[in-house]
Amino acid sequence: MHGTLTSAPEITHISKNGIWILLGNEELLLAFDLFPWFEKATIAQIHDVNWPTIDHLYWPQLDIDISVQSIRNPDQFPLVADHSSSNHKS
């Protein structure tokens, strides 16, 4: 199937500043100041992540969809949701 990934994303580290995620051979930081929806999430919720396409990550327990490009280049994707908002999308 075209677009299907064979490797799974791996959460490699969670700190007070953010989450490190390994995508293939690339490790990226989701800093809590840029991705605030994860700051109050449980470890189990953070580890439950899917990588359905090359540029899409999804956390089903949190109902969060994120473009991988927004992690690589956060300046190109300004935060538009209030931290307390019920809208969890980036």
PDB file of N, CA and C in Angstrom:
ATOM      1  N   MET A   1       0.844  -1.169   0.000  1.00  0.00           N
ATOM      2  CA  MET A   1       0.000   0.000   0.000  1.00  0.00           C
ATOM      3  C   MET A   1       0.892   1.234   0.000  1.00  0.00           C
ATOM      4  N   HIS A   2       0.670   2.138  -0.927  1.00  0.00           N
ATOM      5  CA  HIS A   2       1.470   3.352  -1.047  1.00  0.00           C
ATOM      6  C   HIS A   2       1.252   4.251   0.161  1.00  0.00           C
ATOM      7  N   GLY A   3       2.344   4.775   0.729  1.00  0.00           N
ATOM      8  CA  GLY A   3       2.250   5.686   1.858  1.00  0.00           C
ATOM      9  C   GLY A   3       2.237   5.012   3.216  1.00  0.00           C
ATOM     10  N   THR A   4       2.215   3.685   3.259  1.00  0.00           N
ATOM     11  CA  THR A   4       2.219   2.978   4.526  1.00  0.00           C
ATOM     12  C   THR A   4       3.645   2.888   5.054  1.00  0.00           C
ATOM     13  N   LEU A   5       3.820   3.195   6.326  1.00  0.00           N
ATOM     14  CA  LEU A   5       5.140   3.156   6.943  1.00  0.00           C
ATOM     15  C   LEU A   5       5.344   1.816   7.625  1.00  0.00           C
ATOM     16  N   THR A   6       6.569   1.308   7.587  1.00  0.00           N
ATOM     17  CA  THR A   6       6.849   0.018   8.202  1.00  0.00           C
ATOM     18  C   THR A   6       7.429   0.144   9.596  1.00  0.00           C
ATOM     19  N   SER A   7       8.007   1.287   9.933  1.00  0.00           N
ATOM     20  CA  SER A   7       8.559   1.458  11.272  1.00  0.00           C
ATOM     21  C   SER A   7       7.577   2.267  12.116  1.00  0.00           C
ATOM     22  N   ALA A   8       7.584   2.003  13.391  1.00  0.00           N
ATOM     23  CA  ALA A   8       6.697   2.704  14.313  1.00  0.00           C
ATOM     24  C   ALA A   8       7.436   3.866  14.950  1.00  0.00           C
ATOM     25  N   PRO A   9       6.728   4.936  15.286  1.00  0.00           N
ATOM     26  CA  PRO A   9       7.382   6.014  16.022  1.00  0.00           C
ATOM     27  C   PRO A   9       7.707   5.543  17.430  1.00  0.00           C
ATOM     28  N   GLU A  10       8.767   6.088  17.997  1.00  0.00           N
ATOM     29  CA  GLU A  10       9.166   5.686  19.347  1.00  0.00           C
ATOM     30  C   GLU A  10       9.415   6.918  20.200  1.00  0.00           C
ATOM     31  N   ILE A  11       8.748   6.998  21.339  1.00  0.00           N
ATOM     32  CA  ILE A  11       9.017   8.047  22.307  1.00  0.00           C
ATOM     33  C   ILE A  11      10.283   7.631  23.042  1.00  0.00           C
ATOM     34  N   THR A  12      11.338   8.428  22.906  1.00  0.00           N
ATOM     35  CA  THR A  12      12.619   8.045  23.502  1.00  0.00           C
ATOM     36  C   THR A  12      12.888   8.725  24.835  1.00  0.00           C
ATOM     37  N   HIS A  13      12.223   9.874  25.075  1.00  0.00           N
ATOM     38  CA  HIS A  13      12.480  10.599  26.321  1.00  0.00           C
ATOM     39  C   HIS A  13      11.357  11.593  26.568  1.00  0.00           C
ATOM     40  N   ILE A  14      10.955  11.716  27.822  1.00  0.00           N
ATOM     41  CA  ILE A  14      10.007  12.747  28.246  1.00  0.00           C
ATOM     42  C   ILE A  14      10.675  13.514  29.384  1.00  0.00           C
ATOM     43  N   SER A  15      10.768  14.825  29.227  1.00  0.00           N
ATOM     44  CA  SER A  15      11.386  15.658  30.263  1.00  0.00           C
ATOM     45  C   SER A  15      10.419  16.771  30.651  1.00  0.00           C
ATOM     46  N   LYS A  16      10.843  17.636  31.544  1.00  0.00           N
ATOM     47  CA  LYS A  16       9.997  18.761  31.941  1.00  0.00           C
ATOM     48  C   LYS A  16       9.837  19.759  30.801  1.00  0.00           C
ATOM     49  N   ASN A  17      10.681  19.658  29.772  1.00  0.00           N
ATOM     50  CA  ASN A  17      10.640  20.587  28.643  1.00  0.00           C
ATOM     51  C   ASN A  17       9.903  20.066  27.417  1.00  0.00           C
ATOM     52  N   GLY A  18       9.753  18.741  27.309  1.00  0.00           N
ATOM     53  CA  GLY A  18       9.087  18.213  26.130  1.00  0.00           C
ATOM     54  C   GLY A  18       9.277  16.727  25.939  1.00  0.00           C
ATOM     55  N   ILE A  19       8.947  16.300  24.747  1.00  0.00           N
ATOM     56  CA  ILE A  19       8.949  14.883  24.370  1.00  0.00           C
ATOM     57  C   ILE A  19       9.893  14.690  23.185  1.00  0.00           C
ATOM     58  N   TRP A  20      10.768  13.702  23.287  1.00  0.00           N
ATOM     59  CA  TRP A  20      11.621  13.319  22.158  1.00  0.00           C
ATOM     60  C   TRP A  20      10.988  12.112  21.484  1.00  0.00           C
ATOM     61  N   ILE A  21      10.834  12.213  20.162  1.00  0.00           N
ATOM     62  CA  ILE A  21      10.226  11.125  19.395  1.00  0.00           C
ATOM     63  C   ILE A  21      11.160  10.734  18.247  1.00  0.00           C
ATOM     64  N   LEU A  22      11.350   9.434  18.079  1.00  0.00           N
ATOM     65  CA  LEU A  22      12.190   8.898  17.006  1.00  0.00           C
ATOM     66  C   LEU A  22      11.287   8.467  15.859  1.00  0.00           C
ATOM     67  N   LEU A  23      11.537   9.056  14.684  1.00  0.00           N
ATOM     68  CA  LEU A  23      10.806   8.722  13.464  1.00  0.00           C
ATOM     69  C   LEU A  23      11.825   8.198  12.466  1.00  0.00           C
ATOM     70  N   GLY A  24      11.885   6.884  12.325  1.00  0.00           N
ATOM     71  CA  GLY A  24      12.912   6.298  11.472  1.00  0.00           C
ATOM     72  C   GLY A  24      14.277   6.585  12.059  1.00  0.00           C
ATOM     73  N   ASN A  25      15.110   7.323  11.325  1.00  0.00           N
ATOM     74  CA  ASN A  25      16.455   7.688  11.788  1.00  0.00           C
ATOM     75  C   ASN A  25      16.526   9.114  12.319  1.00  0.00           C
ATOM     76  N   GLU A  26      15.393   9.770  12.455  1.00  0.00           N
ATOM     77  CA  GLU A  26      15.357  11.174  12.874  1.00  0.00           C
ATOM     78  C   GLU A  26      14.699  11.301  14.245  1.00  0.00           C
ATOM     79  N   GLU A  27      15.369  11.993  15.166  1.00  0.00           N
ATOM     80  CA  GLU A  27      14.797  12.236  16.483  1.00  0.00           C
ATOM     81  C   GLU A  27      14.408  13.711  16.584  1.00  0.00           C
ATOM     82  N   LEU A  28      13.166  13.959  16.983  1.00  0.00           N
ATOM     83  CA  LEU A  28      12.624  15.312  17.042  1.00  0.00           C
ATOM     84  C   LEU A  28      12.117  15.627  18.434  1.00  0.00           C
ATOM     85  N   LEU A  29      12.151  16.914  18.789  1.00  0.00           N
ATOM     86  CA  LEU A  29      11.650  17.376  20.078  1.00  0.00           C
ATOM     87  C   LEU A  29      10.319  18.073  19.891  1.00  0.00           C
ATOM     88  N   LEU A  30       9.322  17.641  20.653  1.00  0.00           N
ATOM     89  CA  LEU A  30       8.059  18.362  20.762  1.00  0.00           C
ATOM     90  C   LEU A  30       8.124  19.130  22.078  1.00  0.00           C
ATOM     91  N   ALA A  31       8.580  20.367  22.002  1.00  0.00           N
ATOM     92  CA  ALA A  31       8.728  21.202  23.200  1.00  0.00           C
ATOM     93  C   ALA A  31       7.341  21.588  23.713  1.00  0.00           C
ATOM     94  N   PHE A  32       7.158  21.517  25.023  1.00  0.00           N
ATOM     95  CA  PHE A  32       5.856  21.831  25.604  1.00  0.00           C
ATOM     96  C   PHE A  32       5.435  23.276  25.348  1.00  0.00           C
ATOM     97  N   ASP A  33       6.378  24.188  25.228  1.00  0.00           N
ATOM     98  CA  ASP A  33       5.985  25.568  24.950  1.00  0.00           C
ATOM     99  C   ASP A  33       5.426  25.726  23.538  1.00  0.00           C
ATOM    100  N   LEU A  34       5.797  24.834  22.620  1.00  0.00           N
ATOM    101  CA  LEU A  34       5.274  24.869  21.254  1.00  0.00           C
ATOM    102  C   LEU A  34       4.120  23.887  21.047  1.00  0.00           C
ATOM    103  N   PHE A  35       4.068  22.830  21.844  1.00  0.00           N
ATOM    104  CA  PHE A  35       3.029  21.804  21.745  1.00  0.00           C
ATOM    105  C   PHE A  35       2.433  21.588  23.140  1.00  0.00           C
ATOM    106  N   PRO A  36       1.696  22.574  23.647  1.00  0.00           N
ATOM    107  CA  PRO A  36       1.251  22.561  25.044  1.00  0.00           C
ATOM    108  C   PRO A  36       0.246  21.474  25.392  1.00  0.00           C
ATOM    109  N   TRP A  37      -0.378  20.876  24.402  1.00  0.00           N
ATOM    110  CA  TRP A  37      -1.402  19.863  24.659  1.00  0.00           C
ATOM    111  C   TRP A  37      -0.837  18.613  25.319  1.00  0.00           C
ATOM    112  N   PHE A  38       0.464  18.406  25.214  1.00  0.00           N
ATOM    113  CA  PHE A  38       1.081  17.208  25.780  1.00  0.00           C
ATOM    114  C   PHE A  38       1.530  17.379  27.233  1.00  0.00           C
ATOM    115  N   GLU A  39       1.598  18.603  27.710  1.00  0.00           N
ATOM    116  CA  GLU A  39       2.200  18.872  29.020  1.00  0.00           C
ATOM    117  C   GLU A  39       1.473  18.173  30.164  1.00  0.00           C
ATOM    118  N   LYS A  40       0.185  18.033  30.094  1.00  0.00           N
ATOM    119  CA  LYS A  40      -0.588  17.393  31.167  1.00  0.00           C
ATOM    120  C   LYS A  40      -0.975  15.955  30.829  1.00  0.00           C
ATOM    121  N   ALA A  41      -0.520  15.450  29.687  1.00  0.00           N
ATOM    122  CA  ALA A  41      -0.852  14.093  29.259  1.00  0.00           C
ATOM    123  C   ALA A  41      -0.097  13.059  30.092  1.00  0.00           C
ATOM    124  N   THR A  42      -0.687  11.888  30.218  1.00  0.00           N
ATOM    125  CA  THR A  42      -0.019  10.803  30.932  1.00  0.00           C
ATOM    126  C   THR A  42       1.039  10.170  30.030  1.00  0.00           C
ATOM    127  N   ILE A  43       1.931   9.432  30.647  1.00  0.00           N
ATOM    128  CA  ILE A  43       2.961   8.715  29.883  1.00  0.00           C
ATOM    129  C   ILE A  43       2.313   7.746  28.903  1.00  0.00           C
ATOM    130  N   ALA A  44       1.282   7.040  29.350  1.00  0.00           N
ATOM    131  CA  ALA A  44       0.592   6.087  28.471  1.00  0.00           C
ATOM    132  C   ALA A  44      -0.036   6.797  27.274  1.00  0.00           C
ATOM    133  N   GLN A  45      -0.634   7.957  27.501  1.00  0.00           N
ATOM    134  CA  GLN A  45      -1.240   8.709  26.397  1.00  0.00           C
ATOM    135  C   GLN A  45      -0.183   9.179  25.407  1.00  0.00           C
ATOM    136  N   ILE A  46       0.953   9.621  25.901  1.00  0.00           N
ATOM    137  CA  ILE A  46       2.023  10.094  25.021  1.00  0.00           C
ATOM    138  C   ILE A  46       2.612   8.947  24.206  1.00  0.00           C
ATOM    139  N   HIS A  47       2.776   7.797  24.819  1.00  0.00           N
ATOM    140  CA  HIS A  47       3.359   6.646  24.116  1.00  0.00           C
ATOM    141  C   HIS A  47       2.423   6.034  23.081  1.00  0.00           C
ATOM    142  N   ASP A  48       1.139   6.316  23.176  1.00  0.00           N
ATOM    143  CA  ASP A  48       0.161   5.787  22.217  1.00  0.00           C
ATOM    144  C   ASP A  48       0.095   6.722  21.014  1.00  0.00           C
ATOM    145  N   VAL A  49       1.078   6.572  20.121  1.00  0.00           N
ATOM    146  CA  VAL A  49       1.179   7.443  18.947  1.00  0.00           C
ATOM    147  C   VAL A  49       1.227   6.591  17.688  1.00  0.00           C
ATOM    148  N   ASN A  50       0.535   7.070  16.667  1.00  0.00           N
ATOM    149  CA  ASN A  50       0.520   6.414  15.356  1.00  0.00           C
ATOM    150  C   ASN A  50       1.200   7.321  14.339  1.00  0.00           C
ATOM    151  N   TRP A  51       1.784   6.710  13.328  1.00  0.00           N
ATOM    152  CA  TRP A  51       2.463   7.425  12.246  1.00  0.00           C
ATOM    153  C   TRP A  51       1.867   6.937  10.930  1.00  0.00           C
ATOM    154  N   PRO A  52       0.625   7.357  10.622  1.00  0.00           N
ATOM    155  CA  PRO A  52      -0.076   6.795   9.463  1.00  0.00           C
ATOM    156  C   PRO A  52       0.499   7.185   8.108  1.00  0.00           C
ATOM    157  N   THR A  53       1.089   8.381   8.011  1.00  0.00           N
ATOM    158  CA  THR A  53       1.744   8.799   6.768  1.00  0.00           C
ATOM    159  C   THR A  53       3.047   9.507   7.125  1.00  0.00           C
ATOM    160  N   ILE A  54       3.868   9.738   6.142  1.00  0.00           N
ATOM    161  CA  ILE A  54       5.199  10.296   6.354  1.00  0.00           C
ATOM    162  C   ILE A  54       5.168  11.655   7.066  1.00  0.00           C
ATOM    163  N   ASP A  55       4.099  12.431   6.892  1.00  0.00           N
ATOM    164  CA  ASP A  55       4.029  13.757   7.514  1.00  0.00           C
ATOM    165  C   ASP A  55       2.896  13.877   8.533  1.00  0.00           C
ATOM    166  N   HIS A  56       2.457  12.767   9.095  1.00  0.00           N
ATOM    167  CA  HIS A  56       1.309  12.819   9.998  1.00  0.00           C
ATOM    168  C   HIS A  56       1.528  11.926  11.211  1.00  0.00           C
ATOM    169  N   LEU A  57       1.412  12.525  12.389  1.00  0.00           N
ATOM    170  CA  LEU A  57       1.434  11.778  13.651  1.00  0.00           C
ATOM    171  C   LEU A  57       0.079  11.953  14.312  1.00  0.00           C
ATOM    172  N   TYR A  58      -0.387  10.901  14.982  1.00  0.00           N
ATOM    173  CA  TYR A  58      -1.703  10.956  15.629  1.00  0.00           C
ATOM    174  C   TYR A  58      -1.647  10.264  16.979  1.00  0.00           C
ATOM    175  N   TRP A  59      -2.124  10.957  18.002  1.00  0.00           N
ATOM    176  CA  TRP A  59      -2.252  10.429  19.352  1.00  0.00           C
ATOM    177  C   TRP A  59      -3.737  10.194  19.625  1.00  0.00           C
ATOM    178  N   PRO A  60      -4.237   8.958  19.444  1.00  0.00           N
ATOM    179  CA  PRO A  60      -5.681   8.701  19.558  1.00  0.00           C
ATOM    180  C   PRO A  60      -6.266   8.981  20.936  1.00  0.00           C
ATOM    181  N   GLN A  61      -5.542   8.691  21.999  1.00  0.00           N
ATOM    182  CA  GLN A  61      -6.079   8.938  23.334  1.00  0.00           C
ATOM    183  C   GLN A  61      -6.220  10.424  23.641  1.00  0.00           C
ATOM    184  N   LEU A  62      -5.447  11.246  22.953  1.00  0.00           N
ATOM    185  CA  LEU A  62      -5.482  12.694  23.163  1.00  0.00           C
ATOM    186  C   LEU A  62      -6.218  13.419  22.038  1.00  0.00           C
ATOM    187  N   ASP A  63      -6.540  12.703  20.963  1.00  0.00           N
ATOM    188  CA  ASP A  63      -7.155  13.261  19.763  1.00  0.00           C
ATOM    189  C   ASP A  63      -6.338  14.430  19.226  1.00  0.00           C
ATOM    190  N   ILE A  64      -5.027  14.181  19.074  1.00  0.00           N
ATOM    191  CA  ILE A  64      -4.099  15.192  18.576  1.00  0.00           C
ATOM    192  C   ILE A  64      -3.487  14.699  17.268  1.00  0.00           C
ATOM    193  N   ASP A  65      -3.606  15.535  16.234  1.00  0.00           N
ATOM    194  CA  ASP A  65      -2.968  15.317  14.935  1.00  0.00           C
ATOM    195  C   ASP A  65      -1.892  16.381  14.762  1.00  0.00           C
ATOM    196  N   ILE A  66      -0.714  15.961  14.335  1.00  0.00           N
ATOM    197  CA  ILE A  66       0.372  16.924  14.126  1.00  0.00           C
ATOM    198  C   ILE A  66       1.115  16.585  12.848  1.00  0.00           C
ATOM    199  N   SER A  67       1.415  17.605  12.073  1.00  0.00           N
ATOM    200  CA  SER A  67       2.268  17.455  10.912  1.00  0.00           C
ATOM    201  C   SER A  67       3.715  17.329  11.379  1.00  0.00           C
ATOM    202  N   VAL A  68       4.443  16.387  10.829  1.00  0.00           N
ATOM    203  CA  VAL A  68       5.860  16.231  11.168  1.00  0.00           C
ATOM    204  C   VAL A  68       6.617  17.510  10.793  1.00  0.00           C
ATOM    205  N   GLN A  69       6.206  18.153   9.710  1.00  0.00           N
ATOM    206  CA  GLN A  69       6.852  19.412   9.306  1.00  0.00           C
ATOM    207  C   GLN A  69       6.697  20.489  10.372  1.00  0.00           C
ATOM    208  N   SER A  70       5.581  20.473  11.121  1.00  0.00           N
ATOM    209  CA  SER A  70       5.399  21.481  12.173  1.00  0.00           C
ATOM    210  C   SER A  70       6.339  21.241  13.350  1.00  0.00           C
ATOM    211  N   ILE A  71       6.820  20.009  13.509  1.00  0.00           N
ATOM    212  CA  ILE A  71       7.807  19.711  14.547  1.00  0.00           C
ATOM    213  C   ILE A  71       9.188  20.141  14.069  1.00  0.00           C
ATOM    214  N   ARG A  72       9.483  19.842  12.815  1.00  0.00           N
ATOM    215  CA  ARG A  72      10.787  20.217  12.252  1.00  0.00           C
ATOM    216  C   ARG A  72      10.947  21.733  12.127  1.00  0.00           C
ATOM    217  N   ASN A  73       9.866  22.402  11.747  1.00  0.00           N
ATOM    218  CA  ASN A  73       9.916  23.844  11.457  1.00  0.00           C
ATOM    219  C   ASN A  73       8.780  24.568  12.183  1.00  0.00           C
ATOM    220  N   PRO A  74       8.824  24.621  13.499  1.00  0.00           N
ATOM    221  CA  PRO A  74       7.705  25.203  14.243  1.00  0.00           C
ATOM    222  C   PRO A  74       7.448  26.676  13.922  1.00  0.00           C
ATOM    223  N   ASP A  75       8.457  27.424  13.483  1.00  0.00           N
ATOM    224  CA  ASP A  75       8.262  28.834  13.140  1.00  0.00           C
ATOM    225  C   ASP A  75       7.327  29.018  11.950  1.00  0.00           C
ATOM    226  N   GLN A  76       7.223  27.992  11.112  1.00  0.00           N
ATOM    227  CA  GLN A  76       6.345  28.054   9.950  1.00  0.00           C
ATOM    228  C   GLN A  76       4.906  27.678  10.295  1.00  0.00           C
ATOM    229  N   PHE A  77       4.682  27.221  11.521  1.00  0.00           N
ATOM    230  CA  PHE A  77       3.363  26.775  11.967  1.00  0.00           C
ATOM    231  C   PHE A  77       3.058  27.414  13.319  1.00  0.00           C
ATOM    232  N   PRO A  78       2.702  28.693  13.334  1.00  0.00           N
ATOM    233  CA  PRO A  78       2.464  29.348  14.625  1.00  0.00           C
ATOM    234  C   PRO A  78       1.287  28.739  15.370  1.00  0.00           C
ATOM    235  N   LEU A  79       1.406  28.730  16.682  1.00  0.00           N
ATOM    236  CA  LEU A  79       0.346  28.218  17.543  1.00  0.00           C
ATOM    237  C   LEU A  79      -0.866  29.126  17.411  1.00  0.00           C
ATOM    238  N   VAL A  80      -2.013  28.539  17.059  1.00  0.00           N
ATOM    239  CA  VAL A  80      -3.226  29.332  16.887  1.00  0.00           C
ATOM    240  C   VAL A  80      -4.276  29.007  17.931  1.00  0.00           C
ATOM    241  N   ALA A  81      -4.077  27.949  18.699  1.00  0.00           N
ATOM    242  CA  ALA A  81      -5.051  27.565  19.710  1.00  0.00           C
ATOM    243  C   ALA A  81      -4.601  28.024  21.081  1.00  0.00           C
ATOM    244  N   ASP A  82      -5.551  28.423  21.897  1.00  0.00           N
ATOM    245  CA  ASP A  82      -5.279  28.779  23.287  1.00  0.00           C
ATOM    246  C   ASP A  82      -4.885  27.515  24.031  1.00  0.00           C
ATOM    247  N   HIS A  83      -3.962  27.604  24.965  1.00  0.00           N
ATOM    248  CA  HIS A  83      -3.501  26.442  25.731  1.00  0.00           C
ATOM    249  C   HIS A  83      -4.640  25.753  26.456  1.00  0.00           C
ATOM    250  N   SER A  84      -5.653  26.477  26.851  1.00  0.00           N
ATOM    251  CA  SER A  84      -6.773  25.880  27.571  1.00  0.00           C
ATOM    252  C   SER A  84      -7.907  25.470  26.656  1.00  0.00           C
ATOM    253  N   SER A  85      -7.725  25.689  25.371  1.00  0.00           N
ATOM    254  CA  SER A  85      -8.773  25.383  24.405  1.00  0.00           C
ATOM    255  C   SER A  85      -9.061  23.894  24.333  1.00  0.00           C
ATOM    256  N   SER A  86     -10.298  23.560  24.022  1.00  0.00           N
ATOM    257  CA  SER A  86     -10.656  22.143  23.849  1.00  0.00           C
ATOM    258  C   SER A  86     -10.237  21.635  22.485  1.00  0.00           C
ATOM    259  N   ASN A  87      -9.847  22.524  21.570  1.00  0.00           N
ATOM    260  CA  ASN A  87      -9.358  22.124  20.264  1.00  0.00           C
ATOM    261  C   ASN A  87      -7.896  21.710  20.403  1.00  0.00           C
ATOM    262  N   HIS A  88      -7.585  20.440  20.148  1.00  0.00           N
ATOM    263  CA  HIS A  88      -6.255  19.899  20.362  1.00  0.00           C
ATOM    264  C   HIS A  88      -5.444  19.776  19.092  1.00  0.00           C
ATOM    265  N   LYS A  89      -5.870  20.353  18.017  1.00  0.00           N
ATOM    266  CA  LYS A  89      -5.203  20.161  16.738  1.00  0.00           C
ATOM    267  C   LYS A  89      -4.097  21.189  16.546  1.00  0.00           C
ATOM    268  N   SER A  90      -3.036  20.775  15.838  1.00  0.00           N
ATOM    269  CA  SER A  90      -1.949  21.684  15.492  1.00  0.00           C
ATOM    270  C   SER A  90      -1.974  21.881  14.005  1.00  0.00           C
TER     271      SER A  90
END
